[in-house]
Amino acid sequence: MNNLIIRNEREDDYHAVELVTRDAFWNLYVPGGNEHYLVHILRKSPDFIPELAFIAELDSKIVGSIFLQNLM
């Protein structure tokens, strides 16, 4: 993979991450999907730690994301 970058998610990535999440899960388990809405809601939680949210960027396009949880 050329030009793959893993970096922290920034606020200006939010919409693109939600679109990638929607596209990844749409009609996968049930008709439609709400995983992208869950991502949106998670960011508003007091337990959300922005330093543990990462995106994968390929040739300057967001192609994936991951949200980690601090269990300490």
PDB file of N, CA and C in Angstrom:
ATOM      1  N   MET A   1       0.843  -1.185   0.000  1.00  0.00           N
ATOM      2  CA  MET A   1       0.000   0.000   0.000  1.00  0.00           C
ATOM      3  C   MET A   1       0.877   1.232   0.000  1.00  0.00           C
ATOM      4  N   ASN A   2       0.707   2.013  -1.008  1.00  0.00           N
ATOM      5  CA  ASN A   2       1.466   3.249  -1.109  1.00  0.00           C
ATOM      6  C   ASN A   2       0.744   4.368  -0.384  1.00  0.00           C
ATOM      7  N   ASN A   3       1.522   5.193   0.298  1.00  0.00           N
ATOM      8  CA  ASN A   3       0.993   6.404   0.923  1.00  0.00           C
ATOM      9  C   ASN A   3      -0.086   6.148   1.972  1.00  0.00           C
ATOM     10  N   LEU A   4       0.018   5.048   2.708  1.00  0.00           N
ATOM     11  CA  LEU A   4      -0.922   4.782   3.796  1.00  0.00           C
ATOM     12  C   LEU A   4      -0.421   5.482   5.043  1.00  0.00           C
ATOM     13  N   ILE A   5      -1.289   6.275   5.649  1.00  0.00           N
ATOM     14  CA  ILE A   5      -0.951   7.022   6.854  1.00  0.00           C
ATOM     15  C   ILE A   5      -1.976   6.674   7.927  1.00  0.00           C
ATOM     16  N   ILE A   6      -1.501   6.342   9.113  1.00  0.00           N
ATOM     17  CA  ILE A   6      -2.351   6.160  10.283  1.00  0.00           C
ATOM     18  C   ILE A   6      -2.084   7.370  11.183  1.00  0.00           C
ATOM     19  N   ARG A   7      -3.139   8.083  11.543  1.00  0.00           N
ATOM     20  CA  ARG A   7      -2.969   9.279  12.372  1.00  0.00           C
ATOM     21  C   ARG A   7      -4.184   9.469  13.245  1.00  0.00           C
ATOM     22  N   ASN A   8      -4.051  10.368  14.211  1.00  0.00           N
ATOM     23  CA  ASN A   8      -5.193  10.700  15.060  1.00  0.00           C
ATOM     24  C   ASN A   8      -6.271  11.378  14.236  1.00  0.00           C
ATOM     25  N   GLU A   9      -7.493  11.071  14.587  1.00  0.00           N
ATOM     26  CA  GLU A   9      -8.643  11.714  13.961  1.00  0.00           C
ATOM     27  C   GLU A   9      -8.690  13.180  14.394  1.00  0.00           C
ATOM     28  N   ARG A  10      -9.044  14.040  13.448  1.00  0.00           N
ATOM     29  CA  ARG A  10      -9.237  15.464  13.743  1.00  0.00           C
ATOM     30  C   ARG A  10     -10.715  15.786  13.552  1.00  0.00           C
ATOM     31  N   GLU A  11     -11.127  16.881  14.142  1.00  0.00           N
ATOM     32  CA  GLU A  11     -12.535  17.266  14.049  1.00  0.00           C
ATOM     33  C   GLU A  11     -12.987  17.430  12.601  1.00  0.00           C
ATOM     34  N   ASP A  12     -12.114  17.902  11.731  1.00  0.00           N
ATOM     35  CA  ASP A  12     -12.506  18.066  10.333  1.00  0.00           C
ATOM     36  C   ASP A  12     -12.598  16.728   9.585  1.00  0.00           C
ATOM     37  N   ASP A  13     -12.254  15.612  10.237  1.00  0.00           N
ATOM     38  CA  ASP A  13     -12.400  14.271   9.655  1.00  0.00           C
ATOM     39  C   ASP A  13     -13.754  13.646   9.976  1.00  0.00           C
ATOM     40  N   TYR A  14     -14.476  14.202  10.928  1.00  0.00           N
ATOM     41  CA  TYR A  14     -15.666  13.557  11.468  1.00  0.00           C
ATOM     42  C   TYR A  14     -16.657  13.127  10.386  1.00  0.00           C
ATOM     43  N   HIS A  15     -17.003  14.017   9.502  1.00  0.00           N
ATOM     44  CA  HIS A  15     -18.016  13.698   8.484  1.00  0.00           C
ATOM     45  C   HIS A  15     -17.529  12.563   7.574  1.00  0.00           C
ATOM     46  N   ALA A  16     -16.288  12.645   7.128  1.00  0.00           N
ATOM     47  CA  ALA A  16     -15.750  11.603   6.241  1.00  0.00           C
ATOM     48  C   ALA A  16     -15.701  10.252   6.948  1.00  0.00           C
ATOM     49  N   VAL A  17     -15.340  10.246   8.229  1.00  0.00           N
ATOM     50  CA  VAL A  17     -15.291   8.992   8.996  1.00  0.00           C
ATOM     51  C   VAL A  17     -16.695   8.396   9.115  1.00  0.00           C
ATOM     52  N   GLU A  18     -17.680   9.235   9.351  1.00  0.00           N
ATOM     53  CA  GLU A  18     -19.055   8.740   9.443  1.00  0.00           C
ATOM     54  C   GLU A  18     -19.525   8.174   8.104  1.00  0.00           C
ATOM     55  N   LEU A  19     -19.130   8.780   6.997  1.00  0.00           N
ATOM     56  CA  LEU A  19     -19.501   8.252   5.678  1.00  0.00           C
ATOM     57  C   LEU A  19     -18.830   6.910   5.414  1.00  0.00           C
ATOM     58  N   VAL A  20     -17.550   6.795   5.746  1.00  0.00           N
ATOM     59  CA  VAL A  20     -16.838   5.527   5.556  1.00  0.00           C
ATOM     60  C   VAL A  20     -17.470   4.440   6.423  1.00  0.00           C
ATOM     61  N   THR A  21     -17.820   4.786   7.653  1.00  0.00           N
ATOM     62  CA  THR A  21     -18.455   3.823   8.556  1.00  0.00           C
ATOM     63  C   THR A  21     -19.810   3.394   8.015  1.00  0.00           C
ATOM     64  N   ARG A  22     -20.596   4.352   7.540  1.00  0.00           N
ATOM     65  CA  ARG A  22     -21.908   4.023   6.968  1.00  0.00           C
ATOM     66  C   ARG A  22     -21.750   3.082   5.783  1.00  0.00           C
ATOM     67  N   ASP A  23     -20.831   3.401   4.888  1.00  0.00           N
ATOM     68  CA  ASP A  23     -20.640   2.571   3.699  1.00  0.00           C
ATOM     69  C   ASP A  23     -20.146   1.168   4.055  1.00  0.00           C
ATOM     70  N   ALA A  24     -19.330   1.065   5.103  1.00  0.00           N
ATOM     71  CA  ALA A  24     -18.781  -0.230   5.491  1.00  0.00           C
ATOM     72  C   ALA A  24     -19.848  -1.167   6.063  1.00  0.00           C
ATOM     73  N   PHE A  25     -20.832  -0.617   6.768  1.00  0.00           N
ATOM     74  CA  PHE A  25     -21.805  -1.448   7.463  1.00  0.00           C
ATOM     75  C   PHE A  25     -23.203  -1.426   6.858  1.00  0.00           C
ATOM     76  N   TRP A  26     -23.446  -0.619   5.840  1.00  0.00           N
ATOM     77  CA  TRP A  26     -24.779  -0.482   5.270  1.00  0.00           C
ATOM     78  C   TRP A  26     -25.268  -1.828   4.733  1.00  0.00           C
ATOM     79  N   ASN A  27     -26.423  -2.258   5.196  1.00  0.00           N
ATOM     80  CA  ASN A  27     -27.062  -3.518   4.781  1.00  0.00           C
ATOM     81  C   ASN A  27     -26.236  -4.761   5.103  1.00  0.00           C
ATOM     82  N   LEU A  28     -25.260  -4.662   5.991  1.00  0.00           N
ATOM     83  CA  LEU A  28     -24.415  -5.817   6.299  1.00  0.00           C
ATOM     84  C   LEU A  28     -25.134  -6.815   7.201  1.00  0.00           C
ATOM     85  N   TYR A  29     -25.700  -6.344   8.289  1.00  0.00           N
ATOM     86  CA  TYR A  29     -26.370  -7.236   9.239  1.00  0.00           C
ATOM     87  C   TYR A  29     -27.893  -7.096   9.192  1.00  0.00           C
ATOM     88  N   VAL A  30     -28.348  -5.907   8.927  1.00  0.00           N
ATOM     89  CA  VAL A  30     -29.775  -5.617   8.822  1.00  0.00           C
ATOM     90  C   VAL A  30     -29.955  -4.611   7.705  1.00  0.00           C
ATOM     91  N   PRO A  31     -31.155  -4.444   7.193  1.00  0.00           N
ATOM     92  CA  PRO A  31     -31.361  -3.406   6.179  1.00  0.00           C
ATOM     93  C   PRO A  31     -30.970  -2.035   6.734  1.00  0.00           C
ATOM     94  N   GLY A  32     -30.222  -1.291   5.955  1.00  0.00           N
ATOM     95  CA  GLY A  32     -29.758   0.021   6.392  1.00  0.00           C
ATOM     96  C   GLY A  32     -28.606  -0.144   7.370  1.00  0.00           C
ATOM     97  N   GLY A  33     -28.574   0.701   8.364  1.00  0.00           N
ATOM     98  CA  GLY A  33     -27.519   0.621   9.366  1.00  0.00           C
ATOM     99  C   GLY A  33     -27.507   1.871  10.217  1.00  0.00           C
ATOM    100  N   ASN A  34     -26.938   1.745  11.401  1.00  0.00           N
ATOM    101  CA  ASN A  34     -26.850   2.915  12.264  1.00  0.00           C
ATOM    102  C   ASN A  34     -25.475   3.047  12.910  1.00  0.00           C
ATOM    103  N   GLU A  35     -24.506   2.285  12.449  1.00  0.00           N
ATOM    104  CA  GLU A  35     -23.168   2.342  13.022  1.00  0.00           C
ATOM    105  C   GLU A  35     -22.546   3.729  12.874  1.00  0.00           C
ATOM    106  N   HIS A  36     -22.825   4.397  11.767  1.00  0.00           N
ATOM    107  CA  HIS A  36     -22.276   5.746  11.579  1.00  0.00           C
ATOM    108  C   HIS A  36     -22.857   6.720  12.599  1.00  0.00           C
ATOM    109  N   TYR A  37     -24.103   6.515  12.981  1.00  0.00           N
ATOM    110  CA  TYR A  37     -24.712   7.361  14.009  1.00  0.00           C
ATOM    111  C   TYR A  37     -24.084   7.072  15.372  1.00  0.00           C
ATOM    112  N   LEU A  38     -23.762   5.815  15.629  1.00  0.00           N
ATOM    113  CA  LEU A  38     -23.087   5.452  16.866  1.00  0.00           C
ATOM    114  C   LEU A  38     -21.742   6.171  16.973  1.00  0.00           C
ATOM    115  N   VAL A  39     -20.996   6.217  15.885  1.00  0.00           N
ATOM    116  CA  VAL A  39     -19.723   6.945  15.866  1.00  0.00           C
ATOM    117  C   VAL A  39     -19.967   8.412  16.223  1.00  0.00           C
ATOM    118  N   HIS A  40     -20.986   8.998  15.638  1.00  0.00           N
ATOM    119  CA  HIS A  40     -21.329  10.400  15.903  1.00  0.00           C
ATOM    120  C   HIS A  40     -21.632  10.616  17.387  1.00  0.00           C
ATOM    121  N   ILE A  41     -22.423   9.731  17.972  1.00  0.00           N
ATOM    122  CA  ILE A  41     -22.823   9.837  19.371  1.00  0.00           C
ATOM    123  C   ILE A  41     -21.638   9.577  20.313  1.00  0.00           C
ATOM    124  N   LEU A  42     -20.783   8.617  19.968  1.00  0.00           N
ATOM    125  CA  LEU A  42     -19.634   8.304  20.819  1.00  0.00           C
ATOM    126  C   LEU A  42     -18.756   9.525  21.065  1.00  0.00           C
ATOM    127  N   ARG A  43     -18.592  10.342  20.063  1.00  0.00           N
ATOM    128  CA  ARG A  43     -17.720  11.518  20.200  1.00  0.00           C
ATOM    129  C   ARG A  43     -18.266  12.520  21.217  1.00  0.00           C
ATOM    130  N   LYS A  44     -19.554  12.486  21.486  1.00  0.00           N
ATOM    131  CA  LYS A  44     -20.165  13.414  22.443  1.00  0.00           C
ATOM    132  C   LYS A  44     -20.118  12.882  23.870  1.00  0.00           C
ATOM    133  N   SER A  45     -19.697  11.652  24.036  1.00  0.00           N
ATOM    134  CA  SER A  45     -19.650  11.034  25.361  1.00  0.00           C
ATOM    135  C   SER A  45     -18.502  11.618  26.178  1.00  0.00           C
ATOM    136  N   PRO A  46     -18.704  11.811  27.475  1.00  0.00           N
ATOM    137  CA  PRO A  46     -17.605  12.275  28.328  1.00  0.00           C
ATOM    138  C   PRO A  46     -16.473  11.240  28.425  1.00  0.00           C
ATOM    139  N   ASP A  47     -16.777   9.993  28.059  1.00  0.00           N
ATOM    140  CA  ASP A  47     -15.764   8.940  28.090  1.00  0.00           C
ATOM    141  C   ASP A  47     -14.939   8.863  26.811  1.00  0.00           C
ATOM    142  N   PHE A  48     -15.318   9.629  25.786  1.00  0.00           N
ATOM    143  CA  PHE A  48     -14.577   9.631  24.524  1.00  0.00           C
ATOM    144  C   PHE A  48     -13.213  10.264  24.740  1.00  0.00           C
ATOM    145  N   ILE A  49     -12.173   9.584  24.301  1.00  0.00           N
ATOM    146  CA  ILE A  49     -10.802  10.084  24.411  1.00  0.00           C
ATOM    147  C   ILE A  49     -10.287  10.306  22.987  1.00  0.00           C
ATOM    148  N   PRO A  50     -10.243  11.552  22.533  1.00  0.00           N
ATOM    149  CA  PRO A  50      -9.840  11.836  21.154  1.00  0.00           C
ATOM    150  C   PRO A  50      -8.469  11.264  20.786  1.00  0.00           C
ATOM    151  N   GLU A  51      -7.581  11.173  21.752  1.00  0.00           N
ATOM    152  CA  GLU A  51      -6.231  10.638  21.468  1.00  0.00           C
ATOM    153  C   GLU A  51      -6.262   9.152  21.126  1.00  0.00           C
ATOM    154  N   LEU A  52      -7.395   8.485  21.353  1.00  0.00           N
ATOM    155  CA  LEU A  52      -7.525   7.060  21.035  1.00  0.00           C
ATOM    156  C   LEU A  52      -8.399   6.812  19.811  1.00  0.00           C
ATOM    157  N   ALA A  53      -8.662   7.862  19.038  1.00  0.00           N
ATOM    158  CA  ALA A  53      -9.408   7.733  17.784  1.00  0.00           C
ATOM    159  C   ALA A  53      -8.427   7.945  16.627  1.00  0.00           C
ATOM    160  N   PHE A  54      -8.333   6.946  15.762  1.00  0.00           N
ATOM    161  CA  PHE A  54      -7.373   6.988  14.658  1.00  0.00           C
ATOM    162  C   PHE A  54      -8.089   6.800  13.327  1.00  0.00           C
ATOM    163  N   ILE A  55      -7.478   7.324  12.283  1.00  0.00           N
ATOM    164  CA  ILE A  55      -7.981   7.097  10.938  1.00  0.00           C
ATOM    165  C   ILE A  55      -6.852   6.551  10.070  1.00  0.00           C
ATOM    166  N   ALA A  56      -7.250   5.838   9.038  1.00  0.00           N
ATOM    167  CA  ALA A  56      -6.321   5.367   8.015  1.00  0.00           C
ATOM    168  C   ALA A  56      -6.597   6.187   6.768  1.00  0.00           C
ATOM    169  N   GLU A  57      -5.545   6.763   6.250  1.00  0.00           N
ATOM    170  CA  GLU A  57      -5.649   7.623   5.068  1.00  0.00           C
ATOM    171  C   GLU A  57      -4.803   7.012   3.956  1.00  0.00           C
ATOM    172  N   LEU A  58      -5.389   6.809   2.803  1.00  0.00           N
ATOM    173  CA  LEU A  58      -4.669   6.279   1.652  1.00  0.00           C
ATOM    174  C   LEU A  58      -4.744   7.301   0.544  1.00  0.00           C
ATOM    175  N   ASP A  59      -3.590   7.778   0.127  1.00  0.00           N
ATOM    176  CA  ASP A  59      -3.524   8.823  -0.903  1.00  0.00           C
ATOM    177  C   ASP A  59      -4.445   9.990  -0.564  1.00  0.00           C
ATOM    178  N   SER A  60      -4.384  10.443   0.674  1.00  0.00           N
ATOM    179  CA  SER A  60      -5.130  11.609   1.192  1.00  0.00           C
ATOM    180  C   SER A  60      -6.633  11.386   1.303  1.00  0.00           C
ATOM    181  N   LYS A  61      -7.080  10.130   1.227  1.00  0.00           N
ATOM    182  CA  LYS A  61      -8.501   9.829   1.369  1.00  0.00           C
ATOM    183  C   LYS A  61      -8.686   8.913   2.579  1.00  0.00           C
ATOM    184  N   ILE A  62      -9.653   9.238   3.436  1.00  0.00           N
ATOM    185  CA  ILE A  62      -9.927   8.412   4.610  1.00  0.00           C
ATOM    186  C   ILE A  62     -10.567   7.104   4.157  1.00  0.00           C
ATOM    187  N   VAL A  63      -9.926   6.000   4.543  1.00  0.00           N
ATOM    188  CA  VAL A  63     -10.413   4.680   4.132  1.00  0.00           C
ATOM    189  C   VAL A  63     -10.769   3.790   5.314  1.00  0.00           C
ATOM    190  N   GLY A  64     -10.521   4.268   6.537  1.00  0.00           N
ATOM    191  CA  GLY A  64     -10.860   3.474   7.707  1.00  0.00           C
ATOM    192  C   GLY A  64     -10.660   4.264   8.983  1.00  0.00           C
ATOM    193  N   SER A  65     -11.203   3.719  10.060  1.00  0.00           N
ATOM    194  CA  SER A  65     -11.036   4.364  11.362  1.00  0.00           C
ATOM    195  C   SER A  65     -11.154   3.321  12.458  1.00  0.00           C
ATOM    196  N   ILE A  66     -10.648   3.684  13.620  1.00  0.00           N
ATOM    197  CA  ILE A  66     -10.766   2.824  14.792  1.00  0.00           C
ATOM    198  C   ILE A  66     -10.836   3.717  16.021  1.00  0.00           C
ATOM    199  N   PHE A  67     -11.685   3.315  16.956  1.00  0.00           N
ATOM    200  CA  PHE A  67     -11.827   4.015  18.223  1.00  0.00           C
ATOM    201  C   PHE A  67     -11.415   3.033  19.312  1.00  0.00           C
ATOM    202  N   LEU A  68     -10.413   3.380  20.061  1.00  0.00           N
ATOM    203  CA  LEU A  68      -9.962   2.525  21.147  1.00  0.00           C
ATOM    204  C   LEU A  68     -10.541   3.016  22.457  1.00  0.00           C
ATOM    205  N   GLN A  69     -10.579   2.142  23.438  1.00  0.00           N
ATOM    206  CA  GLN A  69     -11.153   2.487  24.736  1.00  0.00           C
ATOM    207  C   GLN A  69     -10.106   2.258  25.811  1.00  0.00           C
ATOM    208  N   ASN A  70      -9.987   3.200  26.707  1.00  0.00           N
ATOM    209  CA  ASN A  70      -9.101   3.055  27.845  1.00  0.00           C
ATOM    210  C   ASN A  70      -9.863   2.333  28.944  1.00  0.00           C
ATOM    211  N   LEU A  71      -9.445   1.140  29.283  1.00  0.00           N
ATOM    212  CA  LEU A  71     -10.149   0.345  30.285  1.00  0.00           C
ATOM    213  C   LEU A  71      -9.572   0.515  31.682  1.00  0.00           C
ATOM    214  N   MET A  72      -8.661   1.416  31.855  1.00  0.00           N
ATOM    215  CA  MET A  72      -8.058   1.649  33.172  1.00  0.00           C
ATOM    216  C   MET A  72      -8.972   2.436  34.060  1.00  0.00           C
TER     217      MET A  72
END
